[in-house]
């Protein structure tokens, strides 16, 4: 092989390597996820209560195999509250209980 052939091969290899590296960088710059499951509590019989965060807002939701229900809005992740009228007293108590558990555990969510 001549030196010219080696230079062309090295140049082609370098070009492909740079293109691959740029693709890896582009894929690693994905937008951060805005929807997070902060905590979930199974209630048995495929039912659960969960704290879900979307953006800066948090919600207490309840779920069964056939439905998902918003139980209450919780305090924002930043600390201020965004309370709306609770549908019923049981939902408010559940929201208070989950918020209390979250504070005891020291979660950041």
C-alpha atoms as a PDB file:
ATOM      1  CA  UNK A   1       0.000   0.000   0.000  1.00  0.00           C
ATOM      2  CA  UNK A   2       1.163   3.468  -0.733  1.00  0.00           C
ATOM      3  CA  UNK A   3       1.207   6.375   1.658  1.00  0.00           C
ATOM      4  CA  UNK A   4      -1.516   8.088  -0.382  1.00  0.00           C
ATOM      5  CA  UNK A   5      -3.887   5.143   0.119  1.00  0.00           C
ATOM      6  CA  UNK A   6      -3.249   5.170   3.868  1.00  0.00           C
ATOM      7  CA  UNK A   7      -3.952   8.930   4.046  1.00  0.00           C
ATOM      8  CA  UNK A   8      -7.271   8.502   2.204  1.00  0.00           C
ATOM      9  CA  UNK A   9      -8.292   5.602   4.464  1.00  0.00           C
ATOM     10  CA  UNK A  10      -7.396   7.541   7.614  1.00  0.00           C
ATOM     11  CA  UNK A  11      -9.314  10.569   6.354  1.00  0.00           C
ATOM     12  CA  UNK A  12     -12.414   8.489   5.603  1.00  0.00           C
ATOM     13  CA  UNK A  13     -12.167   6.804   9.012  1.00  0.00           C
ATOM     14  CA  UNK A  14     -11.853  10.180  10.758  1.00  0.00           C
ATOM     15  CA  UNK A  15     -14.872  11.569   8.850  1.00  0.00           C
ATOM     16  CA  UNK A  16     -17.033   8.581   9.776  1.00  0.00           C
ATOM     17  CA  UNK A  17     -15.867   8.778  13.380  1.00  0.00           C
ATOM     18  CA  UNK A  18     -16.787  12.467  13.616  1.00  0.00           C
ATOM     19  CA  UNK A  19     -20.216  11.831  12.073  1.00  0.00           C
ATOM     20  CA  UNK A  20     -20.862   9.047  14.579  1.00  0.00           C
ATOM     21  CA  UNK A  21     -19.722  11.242  17.492  1.00  0.00           C
ATOM     22  CA  UNK A  22     -22.029  14.082  16.379  1.00  0.00           C
ATOM     23  CA  UNK A  23     -24.943  11.642  16.252  1.00  0.00           C
ATOM     24  CA  UNK A  24     -24.196  10.416  19.793  1.00  0.00           C
ATOM     25  CA  UNK A  25     -24.068  14.014  21.053  1.00  0.00           C
ATOM     26  CA  UNK A  26     -27.355  14.878  19.330  1.00  0.00           C
ATOM     27  CA  UNK A  27     -29.102  11.868  20.897  1.00  0.00           C
ATOM     28  CA  UNK A  28     -27.767  12.725  24.350  1.00  0.00           C
ATOM     29  CA  UNK A  29     -29.294  16.241  24.165  1.00  0.00           C
ATOM     30  CA  UNK A  30     -32.882  15.042  24.444  1.00  0.00           C
ATOM     31  CA  UNK A  31     -35.309  17.236  26.320  1.00  0.00           C
ATOM     32  CA  UNK A  32     -35.635  16.317  30.008  1.00  0.00           C
ATOM     33  CA  UNK A  33     -38.745  14.398  30.962  1.00  0.00           C
ATOM     34  CA  UNK A  34     -41.512  16.519  32.421  1.00  0.00           C
ATOM     35  CA  UNK A  35     -43.695  13.671  33.712  1.00  0.00           C
ATOM     36  CA  UNK A  36     -42.476  11.769  36.781  1.00  0.00           C
ATOM     37  CA  UNK A  37     -43.958   9.252  39.174  1.00  0.00           C
ATOM     38  CA  UNK A  38     -42.883  10.515  42.588  1.00  0.00           C
ATOM     39  CA  UNK A  39     -44.431   7.832  44.742  1.00  0.00           C
ATOM     40  CA  UNK A  40     -46.932   5.021  44.416  1.00  0.00           C
ATOM     41  CA  UNK A  41     -48.831   3.109  47.081  1.00  0.00           C
ATOM     42  CA  UNK A  42     -50.532  -0.169  46.120  1.00  0.00           C
ATOM     43  CA  UNK A  43     -53.919  -0.691  47.785  1.00  0.00           C
ATOM     44  CA  UNK A  44     -54.442  -4.309  46.731  1.00  0.00           C
ATOM     45  CA  UNK A  45     -56.751  -5.789  44.138  1.00  0.00           C
ATOM     46  CA  UNK A  46     -54.831  -3.883  41.398  1.00  0.00           C
ATOM     47  CA  UNK A  47     -55.671  -0.476  42.869  1.00  0.00           C
ATOM     48  CA  UNK A  48     -53.196   2.265  43.747  1.00  0.00           C
ATOM     49  CA  UNK A  49     -52.711   5.849  44.859  1.00  0.00           C
ATOM     50  CA  UNK A  50     -49.829   7.815  43.353  1.00  0.00           C
ATOM     51  CA  UNK A  51     -48.220  11.238  43.402  1.00  0.00           C
ATOM     52  CA  UNK A  52     -47.425  12.326  39.845  1.00  0.00           C
ATOM     53  CA  UNK A  53     -45.398  15.403  38.922  1.00  0.00           C
ATOM     54  CA  UNK A  54     -45.809  17.177  35.590  1.00  0.00           C
ATOM     55  CA  UNK A  55     -43.601  20.198  35.095  1.00  0.00           C
ATOM     56  CA  UNK A  56     -43.778  22.004  38.431  1.00  0.00           C
ATOM     57  CA  UNK A  57     -47.214  20.735  39.483  1.00  0.00           C
ATOM     58  CA  UNK A  58     -47.996  17.618  41.522  1.00  0.00           C
ATOM     59  CA  UNK A  59     -51.186  15.587  41.546  1.00  0.00           C
ATOM     60  CA  UNK A  60     -52.614  12.827  43.704  1.00  0.00           C
ATOM     61  CA  UNK A  61     -54.226  10.217  41.477  1.00  0.00           C
ATOM     62  CA  UNK A  62     -56.025   6.973  42.176  1.00  0.00           C
ATOM     63  CA  UNK A  63     -56.176   4.093  39.778  1.00  0.00           C
ATOM     64  CA  UNK A  64     -57.997   0.838  39.179  1.00  0.00           C
ATOM     65  CA  UNK A  65     -57.716  -1.599  36.271  1.00  0.00           C
ATOM     66  CA  UNK A  66     -60.385   0.349  34.392  1.00  0.00           C
ATOM     67  CA  UNK A  67     -59.962   3.993  35.466  1.00  0.00           C
ATOM     68  CA  UNK A  68     -57.632   6.743  36.606  1.00  0.00           C
ATOM     69  CA  UNK A  69     -59.020   9.563  38.781  1.00  0.00           C
ATOM     70  CA  UNK A  70     -57.534  12.881  39.873  1.00  0.00           C
ATOM     71  CA  UNK A  71     -58.039  13.001  43.640  1.00  0.00           C
ATOM     72  CA  UNK A  72     -56.356  16.324  44.443  1.00  0.00           C
ATOM     73  CA  UNK A  73     -53.784  18.871  43.376  1.00  0.00           C
ATOM     74  CA  UNK A  74     -50.828  18.969  45.740  1.00  0.00           C
ATOM     75  CA  UNK A  75     -48.323  21.725  46.485  1.00  0.00           C
ATOM     76  CA  UNK A  76     -46.064  22.688  43.594  1.00  0.00           C
ATOM     77  CA  UNK A  77     -42.541  21.333  43.544  1.00  0.00           C
ATOM     78  CA  UNK A  78     -41.339  24.886  44.230  1.00  0.00           C
ATOM     79  CA  UNK A  79     -43.245  25.021  47.517  1.00  0.00           C
ATOM     80  CA  UNK A  80     -46.331  27.180  46.890  1.00  0.00           C
ATOM     81  CA  UNK A  81     -49.750  25.547  46.985  1.00  0.00           C
ATOM     82  CA  UNK A  82     -52.203  25.148  44.138  1.00  0.00           C
ATOM     83  CA  UNK A  83     -55.146  23.670  46.014  1.00  0.00           C
ATOM     84  CA  UNK A  84     -58.441  23.324  44.256  1.00  0.00           C
ATOM     85  CA  UNK A  85     -61.643  22.234  45.930  1.00  0.00           C
ATOM     86  CA  UNK A  86     -61.243  18.576  46.891  1.00  0.00           C
ATOM     87  CA  UNK A  87     -63.949  16.303  45.463  1.00  0.00           C
ATOM     88  CA  UNK A  88     -64.616  14.717  48.854  1.00  0.00           C
ATOM     89  CA  UNK A  89     -63.199  14.535  52.362  1.00  0.00           C
ATOM     90  CA  UNK A  90     -61.658  11.092  51.790  1.00  0.00           C
ATOM     91  CA  UNK A  91     -59.562  12.464  48.921  1.00  0.00           C
ATOM     92  CA  UNK A  92     -58.304  15.335  51.030  1.00  0.00           C
ATOM     93  CA  UNK A  93     -57.255  12.972  53.818  1.00  0.00           C
ATOM     94  CA  UNK A  94     -55.442  10.781  51.307  1.00  0.00           C
ATOM     95  CA  UNK A  95     -53.659  13.836  49.920  1.00  0.00           C
ATOM     96  CA  UNK A  96     -52.584  14.883  53.411  1.00  0.00           C
ATOM     97  CA  UNK A  97     -51.363  11.382  54.203  1.00  0.00           C
ATOM     98  CA  UNK A  98     -49.303  11.042  51.019  1.00  0.00           C
ATOM     99  CA  UNK A  99     -47.844  14.536  51.432  1.00  0.00           C
ATOM    100  CA  UNK A 100     -46.881  13.649  55.006  1.00  0.00           C
ATOM    101  CA  UNK A 101     -45.206  10.416  53.913  1.00  0.00           C
ATOM    102  CA  UNK A 102     -43.321  12.283  51.242  1.00  0.00           C
ATOM    103  CA  UNK A 103     -41.999  14.856  53.704  1.00  0.00           C
ATOM    104  CA  UNK A 104     -40.915  12.179  56.191  1.00  0.00           C
ATOM    105  CA  UNK A 105     -38.946  10.340  53.515  1.00  0.00           C
ATOM    106  CA  UNK A 106     -37.289  13.531  52.348  1.00  0.00           C
ATOM    107  CA  UNK A 107     -38.056  12.995  48.679  1.00  0.00           C
ATOM    108  CA  UNK A 108     -37.182  15.800  46.325  1.00  0.00           C
ATOM    109  CA  UNK A 109     -40.212  15.193  44.133  1.00  0.00           C
END
